[in-house]
C-alpha atoms as a PDB file:
ATOM      1  CA  UNK A   1     -23.510  32.215  24.060  1.00  0.00           C
ATOM      2  CA  UNK A   2     -21.496  33.287  20.927  1.00  0.00           C
ATOM      3  CA  UNK A   3     -20.160  36.136  22.837  1.00  0.00           C
ATOM      4  CA  UNK A   4     -18.617  33.858  25.501  1.00  0.00           C
ATOM      5  CA  UNK A   5     -17.352  31.417  22.761  1.00  0.00           C
ATOM      6  CA  UNK A   6     -15.522  34.365  21.082  1.00  0.00           C
ATOM      7  CA  UNK A   7     -14.036  35.239  24.449  1.00  0.00           C
ATOM      8  CA  UNK A   8     -12.739  31.799  24.908  1.00  0.00           C
ATOM      9  CA  UNK A   9     -11.175  32.012  21.448  1.00  0.00           C
ATOM     10  CA  UNK A  10      -9.682  35.358  22.082  1.00  0.00           C
ATOM     11  CA  UNK A  11      -8.261  33.992  25.472  1.00  0.00           C
ATOM     12  CA  UNK A  12      -6.803  30.967  23.843  1.00  0.00           C
ATOM     13  CA  UNK A  13      -5.100  33.237  21.083  1.00  0.00           C
ATOM     14  CA  UNK A  14      -3.359  35.180  23.759  1.00  0.00           C
ATOM     15  CA  UNK A  15      -1.664  31.930  24.846  1.00  0.00           C
ATOM     16  CA  UNK A  16      -1.545  30.444  21.318  1.00  0.00           C
ATOM     17  CA  UNK A  17       2.092  29.085  21.840  1.00  0.00           C
ATOM     18  CA  UNK A  18       1.269  27.297  25.122  1.00  0.00           C
ATOM     19  CA  UNK A  19      -1.902  25.929  23.350  1.00  0.00           C
ATOM     20  CA  UNK A  20       0.086  24.469  20.501  1.00  0.00           C
ATOM     21  CA  UNK A  21       3.056  23.074  22.796  1.00  0.00           C
ATOM     22  CA  UNK A  22       0.099  21.363  24.770  1.00  0.00           C
ATOM     23  CA  UNK A  23      -2.146  19.807  21.964  1.00  0.00           C
ATOM     24  CA  UNK A  24       0.265  19.985  18.851  1.00  0.00           C
ATOM     25  CA  UNK A  25       3.273  18.599  20.620  1.00  0.00           C
ATOM     26  CA  UNK A  26       4.562  16.985  17.363  1.00  0.00           C
ATOM     27  CA  UNK A  27       5.322  20.602  16.009  1.00  0.00           C
ATOM     28  CA  UNK A  28       7.615  23.407  16.673  1.00  0.00           C
ATOM     29  CA  UNK A  29       7.814  27.108  16.531  1.00  0.00           C
ATOM     30  CA  UNK A  30       9.083  28.640  13.364  1.00  0.00           C
ATOM     31  CA  UNK A  31       9.355  32.454  13.808  1.00  0.00           C
ATOM     32  CA  UNK A  32       5.763  33.817  14.338  1.00  0.00           C
ATOM     33  CA  UNK A  33       4.121  30.474  13.541  1.00  0.00           C
ATOM     34  CA  UNK A  34       3.689  27.116  15.044  1.00  0.00           C
ATOM     35  CA  UNK A  35       4.397  24.363  12.391  1.00  0.00           C
ATOM     36  CA  UNK A  36       3.116  20.908  12.419  1.00  0.00           C
ATOM     37  CA  UNK A  37       1.902  18.223   9.966  1.00  0.00           C
ATOM     38  CA  UNK A  38      -1.862  18.711  10.455  1.00  0.00           C
ATOM     39  CA  UNK A  39      -4.557  19.215  13.154  1.00  0.00           C
ATOM     40  CA  UNK A  40      -4.264  15.639  14.008  1.00  0.00           C
ATOM     41  CA  UNK A  41      -0.708  16.331  15.382  1.00  0.00           C
ATOM     42  CA  UNK A  42       1.100  14.384  12.757  1.00  0.00           C
ATOM     43  CA  UNK A  43       4.704  15.377  12.463  1.00  0.00           C
ATOM     44  CA  UNK A  44       5.344  17.565   9.543  1.00  0.00           C
ATOM     45  CA  UNK A  45       5.189  21.145   8.063  1.00  0.00           C
ATOM     46  CA  UNK A  46       1.949  21.534   6.221  1.00  0.00           C
ATOM     47  CA  UNK A  47      -0.186  23.289   9.126  1.00  0.00           C
ATOM     48  CA  UNK A  48       0.620  26.705  10.395  1.00  0.00           C
ATOM     49  CA  UNK A  49      -0.755  28.281  13.582  1.00  0.00           C
ATOM     50  CA  UNK A  50      -0.253  32.163  13.723  1.00  0.00           C
ATOM     51  CA  UNK A  51       1.229  32.919  17.341  1.00  0.00           C
ATOM     52  CA  UNK A  52       0.901  36.637  17.088  1.00  0.00           C
ATOM     53  CA  UNK A  53      -1.576  39.138  15.551  1.00  0.00           C
ATOM     54  CA  UNK A  54      -0.366  40.259  12.218  1.00  0.00           C
ATOM     55  CA  UNK A  55      -1.606  42.440   9.260  1.00  0.00           C
ATOM     56  CA  UNK A  56      -2.506  38.904   7.853  1.00  0.00           C
ATOM     57  CA  UNK A  57      -4.823  37.775  10.630  1.00  0.00           C
ATOM     58  CA  UNK A  58      -5.128  37.374  14.229  1.00  0.00           C
ATOM     59  CA  UNK A  59      -3.212  34.979  16.382  1.00  0.00           C
ATOM     60  CA  UNK A  60      -4.762  31.550  16.922  1.00  0.00           C
ATOM     61  CA  UNK A  61      -5.858  30.979  13.362  1.00  0.00           C
ATOM     62  CA  UNK A  62      -4.475  28.106  11.547  1.00  0.00           C
ATOM     63  CA  UNK A  63      -4.239  26.818   7.987  1.00  0.00           C
ATOM     64  CA  UNK A  64      -3.352  23.435   6.397  1.00  0.00           C
ATOM     65  CA  UNK A  65      -1.486  24.148   3.272  1.00  0.00           C
ATOM     66  CA  UNK A  66      -1.917  20.469   1.995  1.00  0.00           C
ATOM     67  CA  UNK A  67      -5.620  20.415   2.552  1.00  0.00           C
ATOM     68  CA  UNK A  68      -6.888  24.192   2.647  1.00  0.00           C
ATOM     69  CA  UNK A  69      -8.545  23.470   6.019  1.00  0.00           C
ATOM     70  CA  UNK A  70      -8.321  26.358   8.460  1.00  0.00           C
ATOM     71  CA  UNK A  71      -9.955  27.243  11.950  1.00  0.00           C
ATOM     72  CA  UNK A  72      -9.159  28.334  15.335  1.00  0.00           C
ATOM     73  CA  UNK A  73      -7.669  26.958  18.458  1.00  0.00           C
ATOM     74  CA  UNK A  74     -11.128  25.332  19.640  1.00  0.00           C
ATOM     75  CA  UNK A  75     -10.673  23.181  16.517  1.00  0.00           C
ATOM     76  CA  UNK A  76      -7.232  22.230  17.533  1.00  0.00           C
ATOM     77  CA  UNK A  77      -8.660  21.207  21.039  1.00  0.00           C
ATOM     78  CA  UNK A  78     -11.443  19.250  19.474  1.00  0.00           C
ATOM     79  CA  UNK A  79      -9.201  17.234  17.120  1.00  0.00           C
ATOM     80  CA  UNK A  80      -6.426  16.665  19.633  1.00  0.00           C
ATOM     81  CA  UNK A  81      -8.882  15.037  22.085  1.00  0.00           C
ATOM     82  CA  UNK A  82     -11.279  13.668  19.586  1.00  0.00           C
ATOM     83  CA  UNK A  83     -14.154  15.453  21.037  1.00  0.00           C
ATOM     84  CA  UNK A  84     -17.408  15.342  19.184  1.00  0.00           C
ATOM     85  CA  UNK A  85     -19.440  17.392  21.481  1.00  0.00           C
ATOM     86  CA  UNK A  86     -18.988  21.147  21.387  1.00  0.00           C
ATOM     87  CA  UNK A  87     -19.778  21.334  25.153  1.00  0.00           C
ATOM     88  CA  UNK A  88     -16.735  18.998  25.880  1.00  0.00           C
ATOM     89  CA  UNK A  89     -14.446  21.094  23.700  1.00  0.00           C
ATOM     90  CA  UNK A  90     -15.623  24.293  25.722  1.00  0.00           C
ATOM     91  CA  UNK A  91     -15.176  22.583  28.976  1.00  0.00           C
ATOM     92  CA  UNK A  92     -11.458  21.528  27.881  1.00  0.00           C
ATOM     93  CA  UNK A  93     -10.749  24.978  26.981  1.00  0.00           C
ATOM     94  CA  UNK A  94     -11.799  26.364  30.120  1.00  0.00           C
ATOM     95  CA  UNK A  95      -9.652  23.836  32.026  1.00  0.00           C
ATOM     96  CA  UNK A  96      -6.739  24.610  30.102  1.00  0.00           C
ATOM     97  CA  UNK A  97      -7.101  28.284  30.926  1.00  0.00           C
ATOM     98  CA  UNK A  98      -7.971  27.661  34.506  1.00  0.00           C
ATOM     99  CA  UNK A  99     -11.280  29.206  34.203  1.00  0.00           C
ATOM    100  CA  UNK A 100     -14.685  28.254  36.144  1.00  0.00           C
ATOM    101  CA  UNK A 101     -16.687  25.738  34.137  1.00  0.00           C
ATOM    102  CA  UNK A 102     -19.866  26.923  32.782  1.00  0.00           C
ATOM    103  CA  UNK A 103     -23.298  26.289  34.562  1.00  0.00           C
ATOM    104  CA  UNK A 104     -25.558  23.428  33.514  1.00  0.00           C
ATOM    105  CA  UNK A 105     -27.598  25.872  31.489  1.00  0.00           C
ATOM    106  CA  UNK A 106     -24.743  27.116  29.457  1.00  0.00           C
ATOM    107  CA  UNK A 107     -23.582  23.519  28.824  1.00  0.00           C
ATOM    108  CA  UNK A 108     -27.005  22.531  27.543  1.00  0.00           C
ATOM    109  CA  UNK A 109     -26.916  25.518  25.280  1.00  0.00           C
ATOM    110  CA  UNK A 110     -23.473  24.277  23.849  1.00  0.00           C
ATOM    111  CA  UNK A 111     -25.069  20.948  23.227  1.00  0.00           C
ATOM    112  CA  UNK A 112     -28.005  22.237  21.310  1.00  0.00           C
ATOM    113  CA  UNK A 113     -25.421  24.474  19.296  1.00  0.00           C
ATOM    114  CA  UNK A 114     -23.401  21.344  18.414  1.00  0.00           C
ATOM    115  CA  UNK A 115     -26.343  19.150  17.635  1.00  0.00           C
ATOM    116  CA  UNK A 116     -26.820  18.161  14.054  1.00  0.00           C
ATOM    117  CA  UNK A 117     -29.264  15.415  12.516  1.00  0.00           C
ATOM    118  CA  UNK A 118     -28.100  11.894  12.706  1.00  0.00           C
ATOM    119  CA  UNK A 119     -26.849  10.572   9.542  1.00  0.00           C
ATOM    120  CA  UNK A 120     -26.576  14.031   7.885  1.00  0.00           C
ATOM    121  CA  UNK A 121     -23.661  15.465   5.732  1.00  0.00           C
ATOM    122  CA  UNK A 122     -22.727  17.502   8.569  1.00  0.00           C
ATOM    123  CA  UNK A 123     -22.702  14.771  10.948  1.00  0.00           C
ATOM    124  CA  UNK A 124     -20.485  12.609   8.471  1.00  0.00           C
ATOM    125  CA  UNK A 125     -18.160  15.774   8.316  1.00  0.00           C
ATOM    126  CA  UNK A 126     -17.918  15.742  12.100  1.00  0.00           C
ATOM    127  CA  UNK A 127     -17.091  12.006  12.206  1.00  0.00           C
ATOM    128  CA  UNK A 128     -14.390  12.501   9.561  1.00  0.00           C
ATOM    129  CA  UNK A 129     -12.780  15.509  11.556  1.00  0.00           C
ATOM    130  CA  UNK A 130     -12.565  13.484  14.743  1.00  0.00           C
ATOM    131  CA  UNK A 131     -11.080  10.382  13.064  1.00  0.00           C
ATOM    132  CA  UNK A 132      -7.437  10.164  12.552  1.00  0.00           C
ATOM    133  CA  UNK A 133      -5.068   9.059   9.602  1.00  0.00           C
ATOM    134  CA  UNK A 134      -4.707   5.306   9.091  1.00  0.00           C
ATOM    135  CA  UNK A 135      -0.855   4.989   9.434  1.00  0.00           C
ATOM    136  CA  UNK A 136       0.028   2.496  12.043  1.00  0.00           C
ATOM    137  CA  UNK A 137      -3.604   1.953  13.032  1.00  0.00           C
ATOM    138  CA  UNK A 138      -5.888  -0.948  13.031  1.00  0.00           C
ATOM    139  CA  UNK A 139      -7.210   0.174   9.709  1.00  0.00           C
ATOM    140  CA  UNK A 140      -3.703  -0.517   8.211  1.00  0.00           C
ATOM    141  CA  UNK A 141      -3.707  -3.856   9.974  1.00  0.00           C
ATOM    142  CA  UNK A 142      -7.168  -4.806   8.581  1.00  0.00           C
ATOM    143  CA  UNK A 143      -6.125  -3.814   4.922  1.00  0.00           C
ATOM    144  CA  UNK A 144      -2.877  -5.505   4.952  1.00  0.00           C
ATOM    145  CA  UNK A 145      -4.536  -8.651   6.151  1.00  0.00           C
ATOM    146  CA  UNK A 146      -6.905  -8.419   3.146  1.00  0.00           C
ATOM    147  CA  UNK A 147      -3.606  -8.195   0.911  1.00  0.00           C
ATOM    148  CA  UNK A 148      -3.685  -4.363   0.395  1.00  0.00           C
ATOM    149  CA  UNK A 149      -0.447  -2.824   0.974  1.00  0.00           C
ATOM    150  CA  UNK A 150      -0.339  -0.145  -1.654  1.00  0.00           C
ATOM    151  CA  UNK A 151      -1.749   2.799   0.630  1.00  0.00           C
ATOM    152  CA  UNK A 152      -0.454   5.852  -1.218  1.00  0.00           C
ATOM    153  CA  UNK A 153      -3.373   8.124  -1.884  1.00  0.00           C
ATOM    154  CA  UNK A 154      -5.689   7.048   0.639  1.00  0.00           C
ATOM    155  CA  UNK A 155      -6.118  10.130   2.639  1.00  0.00           C
ATOM    156  CA  UNK A 156      -9.791   9.773   2.432  1.00  0.00           C
ATOM    157  CA  UNK A 157      -9.507   6.672   4.837  1.00  0.00           C
ATOM    158  CA  UNK A 158      -9.491   7.486   8.546  1.00  0.00           C
ATOM    159  CA  UNK A 159      -9.513   5.618  11.801  1.00  0.00           C
ATOM    160  CA  UNK A 160     -11.939   6.026  14.725  1.00  0.00           C
ATOM    161  CA  UNK A 161     -10.798   3.759  17.828  1.00  0.00           C
ATOM    162  CA  UNK A 162     -14.449   3.956  19.472  1.00  0.00           C
ATOM    163  CA  UNK A 163     -16.974   4.488  16.683  1.00  0.00           C
ATOM    164  CA  UNK A 164     -20.380   4.180  17.822  1.00  0.00           C
ATOM    165  CA  UNK A 165     -22.490   1.245  16.466  1.00  0.00           C
ATOM    166  CA  UNK A 166     -26.354   0.764  17.177  1.00  0.00           C
ATOM    167  CA  UNK A 167     -27.669  -2.552  16.357  1.00  0.00           C
ATOM    168  CA  UNK A 168     -30.804  -2.609  14.282  1.00  0.00           C
ATOM    169  CA  UNK A 169     -33.971  -2.424  16.581  1.00  0.00           C
ATOM    170  CA  UNK A 170     -32.065  -1.547  19.666  1.00  0.00           C
ATOM    171  CA  UNK A 171     -31.765   1.658  21.644  1.00  0.00           C
ATOM    172  CA  UNK A 172     -28.500   0.666  23.226  1.00  0.00           C
ATOM    173  CA  UNK A 173     -25.023   1.615  21.565  1.00  0.00           C
ATOM    174  CA  UNK A 174     -21.848   0.040  21.480  1.00  0.00           C
ATOM    175  CA  UNK A 175     -18.309   1.174  20.411  1.00  0.00           C
ATOM    176  CA  UNK A 176     -15.839  -0.616  17.994  1.00  0.00           C
ATOM    177  CA  UNK A 177     -12.788   0.445  16.095  1.00  0.00           C
ATOM    178  CA  UNK A 178     -13.721   1.524  12.584  1.00  0.00           C
ATOM    179  CA  UNK A 179     -12.285   2.238   9.213  1.00  0.00           C
ATOM    180  CA  UNK A 180     -14.178   5.614   8.416  1.00  0.00           C
ATOM    181  CA  UNK A 181     -14.043   6.739   4.687  1.00  0.00           C
ATOM    182  CA  UNK A 182     -14.925  10.093   3.443  1.00  0.00           C
ATOM    183  CA  UNK A 183     -17.345  10.314   0.537  1.00  0.00           C
ATOM    184  CA  UNK A 184     -16.612  13.354  -1.590  1.00  0.00           C
ATOM    185  CA  UNK A 185     -18.083  15.133  -4.631  1.00  0.00           C
ATOM    186  CA  UNK A 186     -15.952  16.112  -7.656  1.00  0.00           C
ATOM    187  CA  UNK A 187     -14.548  19.108  -5.908  1.00  0.00           C
ATOM    188  CA  UNK A 188     -13.402  17.093  -3.035  1.00  0.00           C
ATOM    189  CA  UNK A 189     -15.982  18.475  -0.467  1.00  0.00           C
ATOM    190  CA  UNK A 190     -17.103  15.643   2.074  1.00  0.00           C
ATOM    191  CA  UNK A 191     -20.764  14.841   1.576  1.00  0.00           C
ATOM    192  CA  UNK A 192     -21.058  11.559   3.384  1.00  0.00           C
ATOM    193  CA  UNK A 193     -19.001   8.918   5.490  1.00  0.00           C
ATOM    194  CA  UNK A 194     -18.822   5.140   5.350  1.00  0.00           C
ATOM    195  CA  UNK A 195     -18.052   3.027   8.379  1.00  0.00           C
ATOM    196  CA  UNK A 196     -16.462  -0.470   8.438  1.00  0.00           C
ATOM    197  CA  UNK A 197     -16.394  -1.727  12.181  1.00  0.00           C
ATOM    198  CA  UNK A 198     -13.422  -3.709  12.837  1.00  0.00           C
ATOM    199  CA  UNK A 199     -12.230  -6.425  15.418  1.00  0.00           C
ATOM    200  CA  UNK A 200     -10.416  -5.202  18.241  1.00  0.00           C
ATOM    201  CA  UNK A 201      -7.090  -6.451  16.822  1.00  0.00           C
ATOM    202  CA  UNK A 202      -7.719  -5.495  13.118  1.00  0.00           C
ATOM    203  CA  UNK A 203      -7.890  -9.012  12.127  1.00  0.00           C
ATOM    204  CA  UNK A 204     -11.157  -8.688  10.168  1.00  0.00           C
ATOM    205  CA  UNK A 205     -14.324  -6.971  10.636  1.00  0.00           C
ATOM    206  CA  UNK A 206     -16.112  -6.624  14.006  1.00  0.00           C
ATOM    207  CA  UNK A 207     -18.474  -9.402  15.125  1.00  0.00           C
ATOM    208  CA  UNK A 208     -21.582  -7.199  14.655  1.00  0.00           C
ATOM    209  CA  UNK A 209     -24.953  -7.855  12.420  1.00  0.00           C
ATOM    210  CA  UNK A 210     -24.249  -5.069  10.192  1.00  0.00           C
ATOM    211  CA  UNK A 211     -20.580  -4.503   9.562  1.00  0.00           C
ATOM    212  CA  UNK A 212     -20.937  -1.430   7.407  1.00  0.00           C
ATOM    213  CA  UNK A 213     -22.887   1.409   7.258  1.00  0.00           C
ATOM    214  CA  UNK A 214     -22.971   4.670   5.419  1.00  0.00           C
ATOM    215  CA  UNK A 215     -24.150   8.141   6.239  1.00  0.00           C
ATOM    216  CA  UNK A 216     -24.773  11.497   4.441  1.00  0.00           C
ATOM    217  CA  UNK A 217     -25.402  12.300   0.841  1.00  0.00           C
ATOM    218  CA  UNK A 218     -23.911   9.370  -1.309  1.00  0.00           C
ATOM    219  CA  UNK A 219     -25.558   9.634  -4.728  1.00  0.00           C
ATOM    220  CA  UNK A 220     -23.261  10.393  -7.444  1.00  0.00           C
ATOM    221  CA  UNK A 221     -20.244  10.693  -5.005  1.00  0.00           C
ATOM    222  CA  UNK A 222     -17.666   8.216  -3.875  1.00  0.00           C
ATOM    223  CA  UNK A 223     -14.644   7.508  -1.776  1.00  0.00           C
ATOM    224  CA  UNK A 224     -11.912   8.650  -3.923  1.00  0.00           C
ATOM    225  CA  UNK A 225      -8.191   7.521  -4.054  1.00  0.00           C
ATOM    226  CA  UNK A 226      -5.999  10.031  -6.103  1.00  0.00           C
ATOM    227  CA  UNK A 227      -7.278  12.930  -8.130  1.00  0.00           C
ATOM    228  CA  UNK A 228      -8.996  11.876 -11.607  1.00  0.00           C
ATOM    229  CA  UNK A 229      -8.030  13.386 -14.646  1.00  0.00           C
ATOM    230  CA  UNK A 230      -8.467  11.494 -17.994  1.00  0.00           C
ATOM    231  CA  UNK A 231      -8.391   7.941 -16.716  1.00  0.00           C
ATOM    232  CA  UNK A 232     -10.336   6.546 -13.684  1.00  0.00           C
ATOM    233  CA  UNK A 233     -11.191   3.174 -12.185  1.00  0.00           C
ATOM    234  CA  UNK A 234     -14.648   3.025 -10.480  1.00  0.00           C
ATOM    235  CA  UNK A 235     -15.869   0.154  -8.367  1.00  0.00           C
ATOM    236  CA  UNK A 236     -18.186  -0.855  -5.495  1.00  0.00           C
ATOM    237  CA  UNK A 237     -16.282  -1.738  -2.410  1.00  0.00           C
ATOM    238  CA  UNK A 238     -13.419  -0.012  -0.850  1.00  0.00           C
ATOM    239  CA  UNK A 239     -11.293  -3.204  -0.493  1.00  0.00           C
ATOM    240  CA  UNK A 240     -12.060  -4.343  -4.008  1.00  0.00           C
ATOM    241  CA  UNK A 241     -10.943  -0.935  -5.556  1.00  0.00           C
ATOM    242  CA  UNK A 242      -7.921  -0.828  -3.460  1.00  0.00           C
ATOM    243  CA  UNK A 243      -7.048  -4.388  -4.741  1.00  0.00           C
ATOM    244  CA  UNK A 244      -6.998  -3.236  -8.256  1.00  0.00           C
ATOM    245  CA  UNK A 245      -4.880  -0.168  -7.123  1.00  0.00           C
ATOM    246  CA  UNK A 246      -2.625  -2.760  -5.558  1.00  0.00           C
ATOM    247  CA  UNK A 247      -1.308  -3.480  -9.195  1.00  0.00           C
ATOM    248  CA  UNK A 248      -1.870   0.109 -10.562  1.00  0.00           C
ATOM    249  CA  UNK A 249      -1.194   2.582  -7.432  1.00  0.00           C
ATOM    250  CA  UNK A 250      -0.852   5.502  -9.867  1.00  0.00           C
ATOM    251  CA  UNK A 251      -4.370   5.251 -11.318  1.00  0.00           C
ATOM    252  CA  UNK A 252      -6.998   7.423  -9.648  1.00  0.00           C
ATOM    253  CA  UNK A 253      -9.843   5.403  -8.646  1.00  0.00           C
ATOM    254  CA  UNK A 254     -12.967   5.617  -6.553  1.00  0.00           C
ATOM    255  CA  UNK A 255     -15.333   3.421  -4.462  1.00  0.00           C
ATOM    256  CA  UNK A 256     -19.040   4.175  -4.888  1.00  0.00           C
ATOM    257  CA  UNK A 257     -19.993   1.609  -1.968  1.00  0.00           C
ATOM    258  CA  UNK A 258     -22.822  -0.193  -3.807  1.00  0.00           C
ATOM    259  CA  UNK A 259     -23.845  -1.222  -7.356  1.00  0.00           C
ATOM    260  CA  UNK A 260     -26.477   1.420  -7.322  1.00  0.00           C
ATOM    261  CA  UNK A 261     -24.278   4.071  -6.301  1.00  0.00           C
ATOM    262  CA  UNK A 262     -21.577   2.864  -8.793  1.00  0.00           C
ATOM    263  CA  UNK A 263     -24.160   3.042 -11.692  1.00  0.00           C
ATOM    264  CA  UNK A 264     -24.923   6.859 -10.601  1.00  0.00           C
ATOM    265  CA  UNK A 265     -21.355   8.303 -10.160  1.00  0.00           C
ATOM    266  CA  UNK A 266     -20.735  11.538 -11.753  1.00  0.00           C
ATOM    267  CA  UNK A 267     -17.948  11.997 -14.248  1.00  0.00           C
ATOM    268  CA  UNK A 268     -15.146  14.521 -13.901  1.00  0.00           C
ATOM    269  CA  UNK A 269     -15.004  16.934 -17.097  1.00  0.00           C
ATOM    270  CA  UNK A 270     -11.688  15.732 -17.901  1.00  0.00           C
ATOM    271  CA  UNK A 271     -12.453  12.056 -18.149  1.00  0.00           C
ATOM    272  CA  UNK A 272     -11.616  10.244 -21.158  1.00  0.00           C
ATOM    273  CA  UNK A 273     -11.457   6.622 -20.089  1.00  0.00           C
ATOM    274  CA  UNK A 274     -13.314   4.825 -17.431  1.00  0.00           C
ATOM    275  CA  UNK A 275     -12.480   1.417 -16.112  1.00  0.00           C
ATOM    276  CA  UNK A 276     -15.595  -0.354 -14.251  1.00  0.00           C
ATOM    277  CA  UNK A 277     -14.265  -2.514 -11.345  1.00  0.00           C
ATOM    278  CA  UNK A 278     -17.347  -4.707 -11.353  1.00  0.00           C
ATOM    279  CA  UNK A 279     -18.389  -7.242  -8.726  1.00  0.00           C
ATOM    280  CA  UNK A 280     -19.164 -10.675 -10.287  1.00  0.00           C
ATOM    281  CA  UNK A 281     -23.096 -10.797  -9.553  1.00  0.00           C
ATOM    282  CA  UNK A 282     -26.399  -9.533 -11.170  1.00  0.00           C
ATOM    283  CA  UNK A 283     -26.022  -6.315  -9.373  1.00  0.00           C
ATOM    284  CA  UNK A 284     -22.413  -5.809 -10.777  1.00  0.00           C
ATOM    285  CA  UNK A 285     -23.623  -6.477 -14.292  1.00  0.00           C
ATOM    286  CA  UNK A 286     -26.447  -3.984 -14.039  1.00  0.00           C
ATOM    287  CA  UNK A 287     -23.951  -1.297 -12.779  1.00  0.00           C
ATOM    288  CA  UNK A 288     -21.640  -2.092 -15.577  1.00  0.00           C
ATOM    289  CA  UNK A 289     -24.393  -1.725 -18.259  1.00  0.00           C
ATOM    290  CA  UNK A 290     -25.671   1.484 -16.890  1.00  0.00           C
ATOM    291  CA  UNK A 291     -22.262   3.167 -16.593  1.00  0.00           C
ATOM    292  CA  UNK A 292     -21.470   1.905 -20.046  1.00  0.00           C
ATOM    293  CA  UNK A 293     -24.526   3.629 -21.587  1.00  0.00           C
ATOM    294  CA  UNK A 294     -24.169   6.896 -19.470  1.00  0.00           C
ATOM    295  CA  UNK A 295     -20.272   7.144 -20.229  1.00  0.00           C
ATOM    296  CA  UNK A 296     -20.727   6.393 -24.109  1.00  0.00           C
ATOM    297  CA  UNK A 297     -23.208   9.137 -24.205  1.00  0.00           C
ATOM    298  CA  UNK A 298     -20.749  11.489 -22.616  1.00  0.00           C
ATOM    299  CA  UNK A 299     -18.056  10.525 -25.011  1.00  0.00           C
ATOM    300  CA  UNK A 300     -16.159   8.498 -22.400  1.00  0.00           C
ATOM    301  CA  UNK A 301     -14.592   5.217 -23.460  1.00  0.00           C
ATOM    302  CA  UNK A 302     -15.416   2.149 -21.034  1.00  0.00           C
ATOM    303  CA  UNK A 303     -13.735  -0.938 -20.216  1.00  0.00           C
ATOM    304  CA  UNK A 304     -14.850  -3.461 -17.507  1.00  0.00           C
ATOM    305  CA  UNK A 305     -12.524  -5.047 -15.296  1.00  0.00           C
ATOM    306  CA  UNK A 306     -14.022  -8.546 -14.221  1.00  0.00           C
ATOM    307  CA  UNK A 307     -12.801 -10.616 -11.229  1.00  0.00           C
ATOM    308  CA  UNK A 308     -12.585 -14.207 -11.471  1.00  0.00           C
ATOM    309  CA  UNK A 309     -14.157 -14.932  -8.170  1.00  0.00           C
ATOM    310  CA  UNK A 310     -16.642 -12.581  -6.328  1.00  0.00           C
ATOM    311  CA  UNK A 311     -14.610  -9.420  -6.396  1.00  0.00           C
ATOM    312  CA  UNK A 312     -11.114  -8.317  -6.780  1.00  0.00           C
ATOM    313  CA  UNK A 313     -10.212  -8.431  -3.166  1.00  0.00           C
ATOM    314  CA  UNK A 314     -11.369 -12.147  -3.052  1.00  0.00           C
ATOM    315  CA  UNK A 315      -9.234 -12.760  -6.117  1.00  0.00           C
ATOM    316  CA  UNK A 316      -6.203 -11.047  -4.511  1.00  0.00           C
ATOM    317  CA  UNK A 317      -6.479 -13.046  -1.236  1.00  0.00           C
ATOM    318  CA  UNK A 318      -7.263 -16.352  -2.786  1.00  0.00           C
ATOM    319  CA  UNK A 319      -5.537 -16.411  -6.043  1.00  0.00           C
ATOM    320  CA  UNK A 320      -2.682 -13.973  -5.421  1.00  0.00           C
ATOM    321  CA  UNK A 321      -1.123 -10.819  -6.950  1.00  0.00           C
ATOM    322  CA  UNK A 322       0.183 -12.609 -10.209  1.00  0.00           C
ATOM    323  CA  UNK A 323      -3.180 -13.814 -11.223  1.00  0.00           C
ATOM    324  CA  UNK A 324      -4.876 -10.443 -10.455  1.00  0.00           C
ATOM    325  CA  UNK A 325      -2.157  -8.716 -12.392  1.00  0.00           C
ATOM    326  CA  UNK A 326      -2.852 -11.031 -15.622  1.00  0.00           C
ATOM    327  CA  UNK A 327      -6.621 -10.638 -15.349  1.00  0.00           C
ATOM    328  CA  UNK A 328      -6.312  -6.770 -15.223  1.00  0.00           C
ATOM    329  CA  UNK A 329      -3.683  -6.530 -17.720  1.00  0.00           C
ATOM    330  CA  UNK A 330      -5.550  -8.171 -20.498  1.00  0.00           C
ATOM    331  CA  UNK A 331      -8.366  -5.575 -20.283  1.00  0.00           C
ATOM    332  CA  UNK A 332      -6.176  -2.395 -20.117  1.00  0.00           C
ATOM    333  CA  UNK A 333      -5.475  -0.047 -22.897  1.00  0.00           C
ATOM    334  CA  UNK A 334      -1.939  -0.522 -23.950  1.00  0.00           C
ATOM    335  CA  UNK A 335      -0.755   3.025 -23.132  1.00  0.00           C
ATOM    336  CA  UNK A 336      -2.419   2.452 -19.437  1.00  0.00           C
ATOM    337  CA  UNK A 337      -0.279  -0.854 -19.209  1.00  0.00           C
ATOM    338  CA  UNK A 338       2.771   1.153 -19.567  1.00  0.00           C
ATOM    339  CA  UNK A 339       1.832   4.176 -17.558  1.00  0.00           C
ATOM    340  CA  UNK A 340      -0.077   2.550 -14.492  1.00  0.00           C
ATOM    341  CA  UNK A 341       0.734  -1.225 -14.168  1.00  0.00           C
ATOM    342  CA  UNK A 342       3.564  -2.402 -11.964  1.00  0.00           C
ATOM    343  CA  UNK A 343       5.832  -5.153 -12.954  1.00  0.00           C
END
């Protein structure tokens, strides 16, 4: 099976430019490379696909200079068509090359090779890989409907148009559009994913019993917005943390996804001041108290940012930007007001 896959990779590499023109149509040839924004076919110049063998490597290999990701043309086909099943990637590659389709047994072997435990970090990484950037998608519509417009630095948020949803205690599955968030460790490695299922028009969450679910390894990790150095804002929910960043888009922030996980987040070695974006409930009180104790032990200054209502997104939507700005400003260190706060 491995030999046959390698043969497909070799055949695709022999037609690397044709593959790129078909699956990465937003890019263009630049000398011996095909240049495009990323593997999701976004216009730009960050990703390079080698079109010819060279001393630096074989044809068909690609690298995204912005993210450090790399791979081969099977990865390009998988991402272009949003294929989660490796057998479907093989089938599409053979179709493109006008090769006979594999027999049933070979297809089953492909499926076994591609299978990973449900809910595992690897399953989370695959979900992130087949999702797309949020620009001009229902995720952007959903967030703007919740008052969140400062979306710079939100690359860890992705959109999946047909994300599987299985109701509790049911064998059947449904598909809904979803905001998919990458949970990462301090080095940026994806350890998990968080899904928020959305209404078909992005006007709110989907009408399902459990609108949010996480998968993978979450403890100590978070959904990160910006790169944390000496100052970080950490909270529970994605929308609440983004509501604070609405007034401080330059401050690095992270969403731990629950009070228990917020209390357990890992601190960057460079961190000197931590703003705790707490929810206004007993669980939020507990997370705040635990974080203060842990941070003080590590020599990190802490300041709690407390909402006037349930959380900062409720404040933003109900009370407005000016009220949220005033509430946050009174709890910031003076140097952080000048450095991070808008207006």
